[in-house]
Amino acid sequence: MRSRSQHDSGPPFPWIFILACTALLVLGNALLALHHHQQHTRIIIASSETLFATIAQRVQQNLSSLYRGPAQALNLLAHDPIDRANTLERRLAYLDKLTQVLVELPHLDAVYLSWPNGDFMLVRPLLESDIRERFDAPEPASWMVWHIGSLAGQRESEYRFYDPSLRLVKARQVNAGHFDAREQDWYRMAQQSPRPVLAPPYLFHSTSEFGISVARAAESGVVLGADITLQRLSAALAGHGLTPSSELLLYDSEGTVVAYRDARRIKSPTHVTALRLPGFQELGSTLIARLAEDGYETERQTSLVLEGQRWLVLQQRLNLPSLSGIFLGVMVPEAELLVTARSLHHRSLLTGVLGSLLLIPLFWLIARWTLQRKL
C-alpha cells in the first residue's frame, strides 16, 4: 500500500530547483543593472566637460545676441537725419522709428540720443508696473519720452507720455538734476570708437537699476545709445541650468556679480549710500561664496564637496570682445546630474525582476516535463 501511494503521488516537485534558478536569474539581472548604472555614471561624469562647454557656448551666444541687435539698430539710426534734428518738434518726428526699435528688441530698456550741446532725448516703453509708478505715467500711456533741451538759454527737462498710437497724452516739466549725458562712460567710449561700444555695468540715472549700455557715435558728433538692464542679462542665464538646483552667474575680475539666475537679488542697489552691485558674499549663497576663496580670476573645472554633496564646478572667462573681463560661474549638483543614470538603473532592475517572475512558469513546466520523462 505504501509503495502504491508513493507511485500515485510521484516524486516530490523540485521547488528548490525553481527557486534557485529564479534567484540566480534575479541576481544576474541585478548585477547587469548595476554594471549599466556604473557605466552611465562614468559616461555622464566624463562628459561634464562637454556639458560645461555647451553651457558656456550658449551663454556666450546669448549675450552676444543681446548686444548685436542694438548695435545694428544704432548703426542704422546713426545714418539717419535724426542726429541733425535741432528742435524737439523735429526730434519727435522720429518717435515712430525709435519705438519700433524697442518693439523689435524687447530686451532693451530704452533708446536715446545725446547731442554735443548737452541736449538729450530718451524713449522707453511703459510695460512694467514699477516703471509706470516711478514716472507716474497716466493710464492710457504706453511710451515715455524724456527730453532735455535749451529754450531761450535755459535748460528744460520734461516727460512726455504717448498712447499706443503715439498720440500725446500728457507732458510734464521735471527736474533733471545734475544729469549730463556727456559725462557718462558710454558717451565718452562712443566718441573714441568708430564702432558700437558696450559700457560696463552702472546705475541708470532715470530708473536706479543696474545695466549696460550699447552706444555709437554718428558723424555729426551725436551719440546714440540703448540700455539693457542686468535683469535682462539674468533672464538670459535662467534657461541654461542643467538641473533645478544649478547655480549660474556672471561676474567680473573684482568679484562683482553682474548677472544671476535669480535677478531679484541684483535688481536693486545693495546700499543706499554706496550704490553698487553685489559681490559673491552678498547673494546669500554659501555655495557661491565658496567660489571666491580661490580668487575671482580663477579658471577651472573641478568637483567640490559642499553642504554635504558633491558639486561639479566651472569658472571660465567668456570670450566677449564687446564686454571683456566677464567670467561665467556654473555649479551643478552631481546627484541631480545622475538622476538619469539612476532612473535607467531602476528600470533595468525592475525589468529583470519582472522577467524573472514571468520565467517561473517556464521553469515549472520544464521541471514537470523532466520528472515525467524520468518516470
Protein backbone atom coordinates (compact mmCIF):
# COMPACT_ATOMS: atom_id res chain seq x y z
CA MET A 1 0.00 0.00 0.00
CA ARG A 2 2.78 2.44 0.89
CA SER A 3 4.60 1.68 -2.36
CA ARG A 4 1.49 2.34 -4.45
CA SER A 5 0.78 5.62 -2.65
CA GLN A 6 4.26 6.85 -3.44
CA HIS A 7 3.83 5.89 -7.09
CA ASP A 8 0.50 7.68 -7.39
CA SER A 9 1.74 10.92 -5.88
CA GLY A 10 5.01 10.76 -7.75
CA PRO A 11 8.29 12.14 -6.52
CA PRO A 12 8.24 15.49 -4.69
CA PHE A 13 8.11 18.51 -7.00
CA PRO A 14 11.57 20.27 -7.15
CA TRP A 15 10.59 23.70 -5.80
CA ILE A 16 14.17 24.21 -4.63
CA PHE A 17 15.36 23.92 -8.23
CA ILE A 18 12.86 26.54 -9.42
CA LEU A 19 13.67 28.92 -6.59
CA ALA A 20 17.40 28.54 -7.16
CA CYS A 21 17.07 29.26 -10.88
CA THR A 22 14.86 32.27 -10.19
CA ALA A 23 17.29 33.63 -7.57
CA LEU A 24 20.21 33.23 -9.95
CA LEU A 25 18.29 34.99 -12.71
CA VAL A 26 17.30 37.90 -10.44
CA LEU A 27 20.86 38.20 -9.16
CA GLY A 28 22.24 38.16 -12.69
CA ASN A 29 19.83 40.89 -13.79
CA ALA A 30 20.64 42.97 -10.70
CA LEU A 31 24.37 42.72 -11.38
CA LEU A 32 23.80 43.62 -15.02
CA ALA A 33 21.67 46.65 -14.00
CA LEU A 34 24.36 47.73 -11.52
CA HIS A 35 27.00 47.46 -14.23
CA HIS A 36 24.88 49.59 -16.59
CA HIS A 37 24.33 52.15 -13.81
CA GLN A 38 28.05 52.42 -13.16
CA GLN A 39 28.75 52.75 -16.87
CA HIS A 40 26.14 55.51 -17.29
CA THR A 41 27.52 57.30 -14.23
CA ARG A 42 31.05 57.21 -15.64
CA ILE A 43 29.83 58.44 -19.02
CA ILE A 44 27.85 61.34 -17.51
CA ILE A 45 30.68 62.44 -15.23
CA ALA A 46 33.22 62.09 -18.04
CA SER A 47 31.02 64.15 -20.34
CA SER A 48 30.67 67.00 -17.83
CA GLU A 49 33.45 68.83 -19.67
CA THR A 50 31.36 68.72 -22.84
CA LEU A 51 28.25 69.77 -20.93
CA PHE A 52 30.04 72.76 -19.41
CA ALA A 53 31.50 73.73 -22.77
CA THR A 54 27.99 73.66 -24.24
CA ILE A 55 26.64 75.87 -21.46
CA ALA A 56 29.47 78.38 -21.84
CA GLN A 57 28.97 78.49 -25.61
CA ARG A 58 25.23 79.03 -25.32
CA VAL A 59 25.59 81.76 -22.71
CA GLN A 60 28.22 83.45 -24.86
CA GLN A 61 25.99 83.31 -27.94
CA ASN A 62 23.01 84.61 -25.96
CA LEU A 63 24.95 87.55 -24.57
CA SER A 64 26.39 88.32 -27.99
CA SER A 65 22.90 88.38 -29.49
CA LEU A 66 21.74 90.80 -26.78
CA TYR A 67 24.49 93.18 -27.92
CA ARG A 68 24.31 92.50 -31.67
CA GLY A 69 20.69 93.59 -32.18
CA PRO A 70 21.03 97.03 -30.53
CA ALA A 71 24.38 97.61 -32.24
CA GLN A 72 22.82 97.02 -35.67
CA ALA A 73 19.87 99.26 -34.84
CA LEU A 74 22.17 102.08 -33.70
CA ASN A 75 24.26 101.73 -36.86
CA LEU A 76 21.12 102.33 -38.94
CA LEU A 77 19.98 105.26 -36.80
CA ALA A 78 23.45 106.83 -36.99
CA HIS A 79 22.95 107.26 -40.75
CA ASP A 80 19.54 108.84 -40.26
CA PRO A 81 19.00 112.63 -40.22
CA ILE A 82 17.66 112.33 -36.67
CA ASP A 83 21.10 113.22 -35.35
CA ARG A 84 20.82 116.62 -37.07
CA ALA A 85 17.37 117.48 -35.70
CA ASN A 86 17.90 120.57 -33.53
CA THR A 87 14.42 121.14 -32.10
CA LEU A 88 12.05 119.00 -30.07
CA GLU A 89 9.46 119.07 -32.84
CA ARG A 90 11.92 117.72 -35.41
CA ARG A 91 13.20 115.08 -32.98
CA LEU A 92 9.70 113.85 -32.18
CA ALA A 93 9.17 113.26 -35.90
CA TYR A 94 11.42 110.19 -35.45
CA LEU A 95 9.47 108.83 -32.48
CA ASP A 96 7.90 106.14 -34.66
CA LYS A 97 11.35 104.80 -35.64
CA LEU A 98 12.64 104.82 -32.08
CA THR A 99 9.62 102.99 -30.69
CA GLN A 100 9.89 100.44 -33.50
CA VAL A 101 13.43 99.62 -32.34
CA LEU A 102 12.09 98.92 -28.85
CA VAL A 103 9.29 96.75 -30.24
CA GLU A 104 11.70 94.67 -32.32
CA LEU A 105 14.22 94.40 -29.48
CA PRO A 106 12.09 93.82 -26.35
CA HIS A 107 15.14 93.19 -24.14
CA LEU A 108 16.01 96.91 -24.39
CA ASP A 109 15.04 99.19 -21.54
CA ALA A 110 15.37 102.43 -23.56
CA VAL A 111 16.94 104.09 -26.61
CA TYR A 112 18.28 107.64 -26.60
CA LEU A 113 20.33 110.35 -28.29
CA SER A 114 22.75 112.81 -26.76
CA TRP A 115 23.83 115.93 -28.63
CA PRO A 116 27.21 117.69 -28.19
CA ASN A 117 25.48 120.77 -26.72
CA GLY A 118 24.00 118.69 -23.86
CA ASP A 119 20.54 118.09 -25.34
CA PHE A 120 19.20 114.63 -24.64
CA MET A 121 16.17 112.57 -25.70
CA LEU A 122 15.26 109.14 -24.33
CA VAL A 123 12.36 106.86 -25.31
CA ARG A 124 11.21 103.96 -23.16
CA PRO A 125 8.23 101.56 -23.12
CA LEU A 126 5.90 101.63 -20.12
CA LEU A 127 5.27 97.91 -19.76
CA GLU A 128 6.08 97.16 -16.13
CA SER A 129 4.03 98.44 -13.21
CA ASP A 130 7.05 99.60 -11.20
CA ILE A 131 8.27 101.71 -14.14
CA ARG A 132 4.83 103.25 -14.57
CA GLU A 133 4.69 104.08 -10.86
CA ARG A 134 8.17 105.55 -10.88
CA PHE A 135 7.28 108.04 -13.60
CA ASP A 136 3.64 108.48 -12.52
CA ALA A 137 2.51 107.56 -16.03
CA PRO A 138 -1.14 108.29 -16.92
CA GLU A 139 -3.30 105.23 -17.61
CA PRO A 140 -3.50 105.42 -21.46
CA ALA A 141 0.26 105.94 -21.86
CA SER A 142 2.37 103.18 -23.44
CA TRP A 143 5.50 105.23 -24.21
CA MET A 144 7.50 107.89 -22.43
CA VAL A 145 9.90 110.47 -23.85
CA TRP A 146 12.37 112.23 -21.59
CA HIS A 147 13.71 115.34 -23.30
CA ILE A 148 16.35 117.78 -22.07
CA GLY A 149 16.84 120.84 -24.28
CA SER A 150 17.54 124.55 -24.36
CA LEU A 151 14.86 127.20 -24.62
CA ALA A 152 15.84 130.89 -24.54
CA GLY A 153 19.15 129.97 -22.98
CA GLN A 154 17.52 127.94 -20.19
CA ARG A 155 17.80 124.18 -19.71
CA GLU A 156 14.40 122.49 -19.68
CA SER A 157 13.55 118.91 -18.87
CA GLU A 158 10.19 117.23 -19.41
CA TYR A 159 8.46 113.89 -19.55
CA ARG A 160 6.07 113.34 -22.44
CA PHE A 161 3.65 110.40 -22.38
CA TYR A 162 2.16 108.83 -25.53
CA ASP A 163 -0.54 106.26 -26.15
CA PRO A 164 -0.02 103.16 -28.38
CA SER A 165 -0.83 105.28 -31.44
CA LEU A 166 1.84 107.82 -30.41
CA ARG A 167 -0.68 110.49 -29.60
CA LEU A 168 0.43 112.80 -26.79
CA VAL A 169 -1.41 112.02 -23.53
CA LYS A 170 0.40 114.32 -21.13
CA ALA A 171 3.56 116.46 -20.84
CA ARG A 172 5.12 117.34 -17.51
CA GLN A 173 8.09 119.51 -16.58
CA VAL A 174 10.62 117.73 -14.36
CA ASN A 175 13.88 118.48 -12.68
CA ALA A 176 16.81 116.81 -14.45
CA GLY A 177 19.10 117.48 -11.51
CA HIS A 178 22.79 117.29 -12.32
CA PHE A 179 22.39 114.75 -15.10
CA ASP A 180 24.54 115.40 -18.16
CA ALA A 181 24.80 112.57 -20.70
CA ARG A 182 28.17 113.86 -21.88
CA GLU A 183 29.66 112.84 -18.53
CA GLN A 184 28.57 109.20 -18.86
CA ASP A 185 31.07 106.45 -19.71
CA TRP A 186 29.02 105.26 -22.68
CA TYR A 187 29.20 108.76 -24.22
CA ARG A 188 32.98 109.03 -23.82
CA MET A 189 33.59 105.49 -25.06
CA ALA A 190 31.44 106.01 -28.16
CA GLN A 191 33.25 109.26 -29.01
CA GLN A 192 36.52 107.35 -29.09
CA SER A 193 35.41 104.43 -31.27
CA PRO A 194 34.16 104.16 -34.87
CA ARG A 195 32.06 101.14 -33.91
CA PRO A 196 29.36 100.46 -31.33
CA VAL A 197 30.74 100.05 -27.82
CA LEU A 198 29.42 98.30 -24.73
CA ALA A 199 29.80 100.21 -21.48
CA PRO A 200 30.40 98.20 -18.28
CA PRO A 201 27.54 97.83 -15.77
CA TYR A 202 26.47 101.01 -13.98
CA LEU A 203 23.44 102.52 -12.25
CA PHE A 204 20.92 104.02 -14.67
CA HIS A 205 20.10 107.60 -13.72
CA SER A 206 16.40 107.50 -14.59
CA THR A 207 15.38 104.15 -13.09
CA SER A 208 18.08 103.40 -10.48
CA GLU A 209 18.50 99.96 -12.00
CA PHE A 210 21.83 98.46 -12.95
CA GLY A 211 22.55 97.66 -16.56
CA ILE A 212 24.84 98.02 -19.54
CA SER A 213 24.65 100.45 -22.44
CA VAL A 214 25.36 99.97 -26.13
CA ALA A 215 26.41 103.26 -27.73
CA ARG A 216 27.50 104.52 -31.11
CA ALA A 217 28.62 107.95 -32.31
CA ALA A 218 27.27 109.47 -35.52
CA GLU A 219 29.41 111.59 -37.84
CA SER A 220 27.72 114.74 -36.52
CA GLY A 221 29.00 114.02 -33.02
CA VAL A 222 25.63 112.90 -31.68
CA VAL A 223 25.85 109.70 -29.61
CA LEU A 224 23.06 107.16 -29.85
CA GLY A 225 22.57 104.61 -27.09
CA ALA A 226 20.44 101.75 -25.85
CA ASP A 227 20.12 100.32 -22.34
CA ILE A 228 19.92 96.68 -21.28
CA THR A 229 19.12 96.04 -17.63
CA LEU A 230 21.02 93.40 -15.69
CA GLN A 231 17.66 91.82 -15.06
CA ARG A 232 17.60 91.04 -18.79
CA LEU A 233 21.09 89.56 -18.58
CA SER A 234 19.99 87.43 -15.64
CA ALA A 235 16.99 86.22 -17.64
CA ALA A 236 19.42 85.12 -20.34
CA LEU A 237 21.11 82.86 -17.77
CA ALA A 238 17.93 81.37 -16.34
CA GLY A 239 17.34 78.96 -19.21
CA HIS A 240 20.81 77.41 -19.20
CA GLY A 241 20.74 75.46 -15.92
CA LEU A 242 21.27 71.73 -16.32
CA THR A 243 19.30 70.83 -13.19
CA PRO A 244 16.80 72.61 -10.87
CA SER A 245 19.46 73.44 -8.25
CA SER A 246 22.21 74.53 -10.66
CA GLU A 247 23.83 77.89 -9.93
CA LEU A 248 24.79 80.22 -12.80
CA LEU A 249 26.21 83.72 -12.57
CA LEU A 250 28.30 86.27 -14.43
CA TYR A 251 30.91 88.26 -12.53
CA ASP A 252 33.92 90.45 -13.19
CA SER A 253 37.54 90.22 -12.02
CA GLU A 254 36.65 92.20 -8.89
CA GLY A 255 34.09 89.62 -7.78
CA THR A 256 31.15 91.85 -8.65
CA VAL A 257 28.12 89.86 -9.78
CA VAL A 258 26.64 91.36 -12.94
CA ALA A 259 24.02 88.68 -13.66
CA TYR A 260 22.49 85.88 -11.63
CA ARG A 261 19.79 83.33 -12.37
CA ASP A 262 17.67 84.92 -9.62
CA ALA A 263 17.50 88.50 -10.90
CA ARG A 264 15.74 89.77 -7.76
CA ARG A 265 18.99 89.55 -5.80
CA ILE A 266 20.78 92.07 -8.02
CA LYS A 267 17.89 94.15 -9.33
CA SER A 268 18.25 96.94 -6.78
CA PRO A 269 21.30 98.60 -5.22
CA THR A 270 22.58 96.84 -2.12
CA HIS A 271 23.47 100.04 -0.26
CA VAL A 272 21.77 103.41 -0.23
CA THR A 273 24.92 105.43 0.35
CA ALA A 274 27.28 103.44 -1.86
CA LEU A 275 25.37 102.41 -4.95
CA ARG A 276 26.99 99.31 -6.31
CA LEU A 277 26.34 95.79 -7.49
CA PRO A 278 26.51 92.87 -5.04
CA GLY A 279 29.61 90.75 -4.65
CA PHE A 280 30.00 86.99 -4.20
CA GLN A 281 29.43 87.24 -0.46
CA GLU A 282 26.20 89.23 -0.78
CA LEU A 283 23.98 86.87 -2.73
CA GLY A 284 23.07 84.88 0.35
CA SER A 285 24.56 81.66 -1.05
CA THR A 286 27.35 79.84 0.78
CA LEU A 287 27.93 77.80 -2.37
CA ILE A 288 28.71 80.85 -4.49
CA ALA A 289 30.77 82.39 -1.69
CA ARG A 290 32.96 79.28 -1.82
CA LEU A 291 33.93 80.09 -5.41
CA ALA A 292 35.62 83.28 -4.24
CA GLU A 293 38.08 81.50 -1.94
CA ASP A 294 40.45 80.71 -4.80
CA GLY A 295 40.29 84.13 -6.45
CA TYR A 296 37.89 85.84 -8.79
CA GLU A 297 40.01 85.30 -11.89
CA THR A 298 40.42 81.56 -11.35
CA GLU A 299 39.59 79.42 -14.37
CA ARG A 300 38.92 75.79 -13.60
CA GLN A 301 36.66 72.77 -13.98
CA THR A 302 36.58 70.60 -10.90
CA SER A 303 34.35 68.97 -8.30
CA LEU A 304 33.90 70.12 -4.72
CA VAL A 305 32.06 68.67 -1.72
CA LEU A 306 29.86 71.47 -0.41
CA GLU A 307 26.96 71.33 2.03
CA GLY A 308 27.11 67.56 2.21
CA GLN A 309 27.06 66.79 -1.51
CA ARG A 310 29.41 66.83 -4.47
CA TRP A 311 29.16 69.69 -6.99
CA LEU A 312 30.66 69.95 -10.47
CA VAL A 313 32.15 73.43 -10.84
CA LEU A 314 33.09 75.57 -13.84
CA GLN A 315 34.73 79.01 -13.69
CA GLN A 316 35.65 80.39 -17.11
CA ARG A 317 36.38 83.75 -18.71
CA LEU A 318 33.95 84.43 -21.53
CA ASN A 319 35.24 85.45 -24.93
CA LEU A 320 33.17 88.61 -25.37
CA PRO A 321 35.15 91.29 -27.23
CA SER A 322 32.39 93.79 -26.52
CA LEU A 323 32.46 93.12 -22.77
CA SER A 324 35.87 91.95 -21.60
CA GLY A 325 36.78 90.63 -18.17
CA ILE A 326 33.49 88.80 -17.59
CA PHE A 327 33.53 85.30 -16.06
CA LEU A 328 30.90 82.57 -16.06
CA GLY A 329 30.39 80.51 -12.93
CA VAL A 330 28.41 77.25 -13.05
CA MET A 331 27.74 74.83 -10.19
CA VAL A 332 25.78 71.62 -10.77
CA PRO A 333 24.94 69.07 -8.02
CA GLU A 334 26.29 65.72 -9.13
CA ALA A 335 23.32 63.89 -7.59
CA GLU A 336 20.85 65.75 -9.81
CA LEU A 337 23.02 65.24 -12.85
CA LEU A 338 22.94 61.48 -12.23
CA VAL A 339 19.17 61.26 -11.95
CA THR A 340 19.04 59.87 -15.48
CA ALA A 341 21.56 57.16 -14.65
CA ARG A 342 19.62 56.21 -11.52
CA SER A 343 16.38 56.09 -13.47
CA LEU A 344 17.93 53.73 -16.02
CA HIS A 345 19.31 51.59 -13.17
CA HIS A 346 15.88 51.28 -11.52
CA ARG A 347 14.22 50.46 -14.83
CA SER A 348 16.80 47.78 -15.59
CA LEU A 349 16.37 46.25 -12.15
CA LEU A 350 12.58 46.28 -12.40
CA THR A 351 12.73 44.75 -15.87
CA GLY A 352 14.96 41.97 -14.53
CA VAL A 353 12.64 41.18 -11.64
CA LEU A 354 9.53 41.13 -13.83
CA GLY A 355 11.33 38.96 -16.38
CA SER A 356 12.31 36.51 -13.64
CA LEU A 357 8.74 36.28 -12.36
CA LEU A 358 7.46 35.64 -15.87
CA LEU A 359 10.02 32.81 -16.27
CA ILE A 360 8.86 30.93 -13.15
CA PRO A 361 6.01 29.15 -15.04
CA LEU A 362 8.54 28.14 -17.69
CA PHE A 363 10.82 26.63 -15.02
CA TRP A 364 7.79 24.84 -13.57
CA LEU A 365 6.89 23.28 -16.91
CA ILE A 366 10.49 22.25 -17.60
CA ALA A 367 10.76 20.63 -14.18
CA ARG A 368 7.46 18.73 -14.62
CA TRP A 369 8.46 17.56 -18.07
CA THR A 370 11.87 16.38 -16.78
CA LEU A 371 10.29 14.41 -13.92
CA GLN A 372 7.71 12.79 -16.16
CA ARG A 373 10.44 11.57 -18.54
CA LYS A 374 12.34 10.01 -15.63
CA LEU A 375 9.25 8.18 -14.58
